[in-house]
Amino acid sequence: MDRAHTGRERIPVSVHPTSSAASRAVAAEIAALLRERAAQGRMAVLGLATGSTPQGVYDELVRMHREDALSFKNAVTFNLDEYWPM
C-alpha cells in the first residue's frame, strides 16, 4: 500500500452544542472569507452542498445579507450534489 494512504491527517474539528450554533459558526467563517476577499479585490470561491443538511448555514447567510449587509458580489459558488449511480 502506498504510504500516502496509511497516514492520518489531523482535521480541525469544532464541536457545538446545537446545530443552530454550528450553523452560525460556519456562516461566520464564510462571511469572514467573503469580507476578506472583497477587501483584497479577489473572488471567494465556495463549494456548497445541496439538500437539507446545510439549510441552517444558508438561512444564517441570508440573515447576514439582509441585516448586516453581507455582500456576495465577490462570490463564485460550485453547488455540489452526488447521485449514485448516475
N, C-alpha and C. Protein backbone atom coordinates (compact mmCIF):
# COMPACT_ATOMS: atom_id res chain seq x y z
N MET A 1 0.84 -1.18 0.00
CA MET A 1 0.00 0.00 0.00
C MET A 1 0.89 1.24 0.00
N ASP A 2 0.48 2.23 -0.74
CA ASP A 2 1.20 3.50 -0.82
C ASP A 2 1.19 4.18 0.55
N ARG A 3 2.34 4.69 0.96
CA ARG A 3 2.44 5.34 2.27
C ARG A 3 1.47 6.50 2.42
N ALA A 4 1.14 7.18 1.32
CA ALA A 4 0.23 8.32 1.39
C ALA A 4 -1.14 7.91 1.91
N HIS A 5 -1.47 6.65 1.77
CA HIS A 5 -2.79 6.18 2.19
C HIS A 5 -2.80 5.57 3.59
N THR A 6 -1.64 5.47 4.22
CA THR A 6 -1.60 4.84 5.54
C THR A 6 -1.56 5.84 6.68
N GLY A 7 -1.24 7.09 6.37
CA GLY A 7 -1.15 8.10 7.42
C GLY A 7 -2.52 8.65 7.80
N ARG A 8 -2.52 9.39 8.86
CA ARG A 8 -3.76 10.03 9.32
C ARG A 8 -3.54 11.53 9.32
N GLU A 9 -4.54 12.23 8.86
CA GLU A 9 -4.47 13.68 8.87
C GLU A 9 -5.19 14.21 10.09
N ARG A 10 -4.73 15.32 10.56
CA ARG A 10 -5.40 15.97 11.69
C ARG A 10 -6.28 17.08 11.12
N ILE A 11 -7.55 16.78 11.03
CA ILE A 11 -8.51 17.74 10.50
C ILE A 11 -9.09 18.52 11.67
N PRO A 12 -9.03 19.86 11.61
CA PRO A 12 -9.61 20.65 12.70
C PRO A 12 -11.11 20.38 12.83
N VAL A 13 -11.56 20.18 14.05
CA VAL A 13 -12.97 19.89 14.32
C VAL A 13 -13.46 20.85 15.39
N SER A 14 -14.64 21.40 15.17
CA SER A 14 -15.30 22.24 16.18
C SER A 14 -16.58 21.54 16.60
N VAL A 15 -16.78 21.45 17.89
CA VAL A 15 -17.99 20.83 18.42
C VAL A 15 -18.86 21.94 19.01
N HIS A 16 -20.13 21.95 18.62
CA HIS A 16 -21.07 22.98 19.07
C HIS A 16 -22.24 22.31 19.78
N PRO A 17 -22.86 23.01 20.72
CA PRO A 17 -23.93 22.39 21.50
C PRO A 17 -25.20 22.10 20.71
N THR A 18 -25.43 22.86 19.64
CA THR A 18 -26.65 22.65 18.83
C THR A 18 -26.32 22.82 17.35
N SER A 19 -27.20 22.33 16.51
CA SER A 19 -27.00 22.52 15.07
C SER A 19 -27.11 24.00 14.71
N SER A 20 -27.93 24.75 15.43
CA SER A 20 -28.04 26.19 15.18
C SER A 20 -26.73 26.90 15.48
N ALA A 21 -26.10 26.54 16.58
CA ALA A 21 -24.81 27.14 16.93
C ALA A 21 -23.76 26.78 15.89
N ALA A 22 -23.77 25.55 15.43
CA ALA A 22 -22.82 25.12 14.39
C ALA A 22 -23.08 25.88 13.09
N SER A 23 -24.34 26.04 12.73
CA SER A 23 -24.69 26.78 11.52
C SER A 23 -24.20 28.22 11.59
N ARG A 24 -24.39 28.86 12.74
CA ARG A 24 -23.92 30.24 12.90
C ARG A 24 -22.40 30.32 12.80
N ALA A 25 -21.70 29.36 13.37
CA ALA A 25 -20.24 29.36 13.32
C ALA A 25 -19.73 29.19 11.90
N VAL A 26 -20.32 28.27 11.16
CA VAL A 26 -19.91 28.05 9.77
C VAL A 26 -20.23 29.28 8.92
N ALA A 27 -21.42 29.85 9.11
CA ALA A 27 -21.80 31.05 8.36
C ALA A 27 -20.85 32.20 8.68
N ALA A 28 -20.43 32.32 9.93
CA ALA A 28 -19.49 33.38 10.31
C ALA A 28 -18.14 33.19 9.61
N GLU A 29 -17.69 31.95 9.48
CA GLU A 29 -16.43 31.69 8.76
C GLU A 29 -16.56 32.05 7.29
N ILE A 30 -17.69 31.70 6.68
CA ILE A 30 -17.91 32.03 5.28
C ILE A 30 -17.98 33.55 5.11
N ALA A 31 -18.69 34.23 6.01
CA ALA A 31 -18.80 35.69 5.94
C ALA A 31 -17.43 36.35 6.08
N ALA A 32 -16.61 35.84 6.98
CA ALA A 32 -15.26 36.40 7.15
C ALA A 32 -14.45 36.23 5.87
N LEU A 33 -14.56 35.08 5.23
CA LEU A 33 -13.85 34.86 3.97
C LEU A 33 -14.35 35.81 2.89
N LEU A 34 -15.68 35.97 2.79
CA LEU A 34 -16.25 36.87 1.79
C LEU A 34 -15.74 38.30 2.00
N ARG A 35 -15.73 38.76 3.24
CA ARG A 35 -15.28 40.12 3.54
C ARG A 35 -13.78 40.28 3.27
N GLU A 36 -13.01 39.28 3.65
CA GLU A 36 -11.55 39.33 3.43
C GLU A 36 -11.24 39.41 1.95
N ARG A 37 -11.85 38.56 1.17
CA ARG A 37 -11.58 38.55 -0.27
C ARG A 37 -12.07 39.83 -0.94
N ALA A 38 -13.22 40.34 -0.51
CA ALA A 38 -13.73 41.59 -1.09
C ALA A 38 -12.76 42.74 -0.80
N ALA A 39 -12.22 42.79 0.41
CA ALA A 39 -11.25 43.83 0.77
C ALA A 39 -9.98 43.74 -0.06
N GLN A 40 -9.64 42.52 -0.48
CA GLN A 40 -8.45 42.30 -1.31
C GLN A 40 -8.75 42.46 -2.80
N GLY A 41 -10.03 42.67 -3.14
CA GLY A 41 -10.42 42.75 -4.54
C GLY A 41 -10.36 41.41 -5.24
N ARG A 42 -10.51 40.35 -4.47
CA ARG A 42 -10.44 38.99 -5.01
C ARG A 42 -11.78 38.30 -4.87
N MET A 43 -11.94 37.23 -5.63
CA MET A 43 -13.16 36.43 -5.55
C MET A 43 -13.03 35.39 -4.43
N ALA A 44 -14.14 35.07 -3.82
CA ALA A 44 -14.21 33.97 -2.86
C ALA A 44 -14.89 32.82 -3.58
N VAL A 45 -14.20 31.71 -3.68
CA VAL A 45 -14.74 30.53 -4.37
C VAL A 45 -15.20 29.54 -3.31
N LEU A 46 -16.50 29.21 -3.36
CA LEU A 46 -17.10 28.35 -2.35
C LEU A 46 -17.66 27.09 -2.98
N GLY A 47 -17.42 25.95 -2.37
CA GLY A 47 -18.08 24.71 -2.75
C GLY A 47 -19.21 24.50 -1.76
N LEU A 48 -20.44 24.56 -2.23
CA LEU A 48 -21.61 24.50 -1.35
C LEU A 48 -22.39 23.21 -1.58
N ALA A 49 -22.79 22.59 -0.49
CA ALA A 49 -23.59 21.37 -0.57
C ALA A 49 -25.05 21.72 -0.81
N THR A 50 -25.75 20.78 -1.44
CA THR A 50 -27.19 20.95 -1.63
C THR A 50 -27.92 20.08 -0.61
N GLY A 51 -29.22 20.13 -0.64
CA GLY A 51 -30.01 19.31 0.28
C GLY A 51 -30.35 20.05 1.55
N SER A 52 -30.90 19.33 2.50
CA SER A 52 -31.39 19.96 3.72
C SER A 52 -30.31 20.10 4.80
N THR A 53 -29.23 19.36 4.72
CA THR A 53 -28.21 19.40 5.77
C THR A 53 -27.64 20.81 5.99
N PRO A 54 -27.25 21.54 4.95
CA PRO A 54 -26.67 22.87 5.17
C PRO A 54 -27.70 24.00 5.28
N GLN A 55 -28.98 23.68 5.36
CA GLN A 55 -30.03 24.71 5.34
C GLN A 55 -29.83 25.77 6.42
N GLY A 56 -29.44 25.37 7.61
CA GLY A 56 -29.23 26.34 8.70
C GLY A 56 -28.13 27.33 8.38
N VAL A 57 -27.07 26.86 7.73
CA VAL A 57 -25.97 27.74 7.33
C VAL A 57 -26.49 28.76 6.31
N TYR A 58 -27.23 28.29 5.33
CA TYR A 58 -27.74 29.18 4.30
C TYR A 58 -28.74 30.17 4.87
N ASP A 59 -29.57 29.74 5.80
CA ASP A 59 -30.51 30.66 6.46
C ASP A 59 -29.75 31.78 7.18
N GLU A 60 -28.67 31.42 7.85
CA GLU A 60 -27.87 32.42 8.57
C GLU A 60 -27.17 33.36 7.60
N LEU A 61 -26.68 32.85 6.48
CA LEU A 61 -26.06 33.72 5.48
C LEU A 61 -27.07 34.70 4.89
N VAL A 62 -28.29 34.24 4.66
CA VAL A 62 -29.35 35.14 4.17
C VAL A 62 -29.63 36.21 5.22
N ARG A 63 -29.72 35.82 6.49
CA ARG A 63 -29.94 36.80 7.55
C ARG A 63 -28.83 37.83 7.57
N MET A 64 -27.58 37.37 7.45
CA MET A 64 -26.43 38.29 7.46
C MET A 64 -26.48 39.23 6.26
N HIS A 65 -26.92 38.74 5.14
CA HIS A 65 -27.05 39.58 3.95
C HIS A 65 -28.09 40.67 4.19
N ARG A 66 -29.23 40.29 4.73
CA ARG A 66 -30.33 41.24 4.95
C ARG A 66 -30.06 42.22 6.09
N GLU A 67 -29.53 41.71 7.19
CA GLU A 67 -29.39 42.55 8.38
C GLU A 67 -28.02 43.18 8.53
N ASP A 68 -26.98 42.54 8.02
CA ASP A 68 -25.61 43.03 8.21
C ASP A 68 -24.96 43.46 6.90
N ALA A 69 -25.74 43.49 5.83
CA ALA A 69 -25.25 43.90 4.50
C ALA A 69 -24.09 43.03 4.00
N LEU A 70 -24.11 41.74 4.35
CA LEU A 70 -23.10 40.83 3.81
C LEU A 70 -23.28 40.74 2.30
N SER A 71 -22.20 41.00 1.58
CA SER A 71 -22.27 41.01 0.12
C SER A 71 -21.74 39.69 -0.46
N PHE A 72 -22.41 39.25 -1.50
CA PHE A 72 -21.98 38.07 -2.24
C PHE A 72 -21.47 38.46 -3.62
N LYS A 73 -21.19 39.75 -3.80
CA LYS A 73 -20.75 40.28 -5.09
C LYS A 73 -19.47 39.58 -5.56
N ASN A 74 -18.57 39.29 -4.64
CA ASN A 74 -17.29 38.67 -4.99
C ASN A 74 -17.29 37.17 -4.74
N ALA A 75 -18.46 36.55 -4.79
CA ALA A 75 -18.55 35.11 -4.53
C ALA A 75 -18.83 34.34 -5.81
N VAL A 76 -18.15 33.23 -5.95
CA VAL A 76 -18.42 32.26 -7.00
C VAL A 76 -18.71 30.96 -6.27
N THR A 77 -19.81 30.30 -6.63
CA THR A 77 -20.15 29.06 -5.94
C THR A 77 -20.20 27.89 -6.90
N PHE A 78 -19.81 26.76 -6.38
CA PHE A 78 -19.98 25.48 -7.05
C PHE A 78 -20.91 24.68 -6.15
N ASN A 79 -22.11 24.43 -6.63
CA ASN A 79 -23.09 23.71 -5.83
C ASN A 79 -22.99 22.23 -6.15
N LEU A 80 -22.73 21.46 -5.11
CA LEU A 80 -22.41 20.05 -5.27
C LEU A 80 -23.57 19.16 -4.86
N ASP A 81 -23.80 18.15 -5.65
CA ASP A 81 -24.77 17.13 -5.30
C ASP A 81 -24.30 15.83 -5.94
N GLU A 82 -24.39 14.76 -5.22
CA GLU A 82 -23.94 13.48 -5.73
C GLU A 82 -25.12 12.54 -5.88
N TYR A 83 -25.18 11.90 -7.00
CA TYR A 83 -26.18 10.87 -7.24
C TYR A 83 -25.45 9.61 -7.66
N TRP A 84 -25.71 8.53 -6.99
CA TRP A 84 -25.02 7.28 -7.31
C TRP A 84 -26.04 6.20 -7.58
N PRO A 85 -25.93 5.39 -8.54
CA PRO A 85 -25.06 5.52 -9.72
C PRO A 85 -25.81 6.25 -10.83
N MET A 86 -25.27 7.24 -11.30
CA MET A 86 -25.92 8.01 -12.36
C MET A 86 -24.93 8.41 -13.41
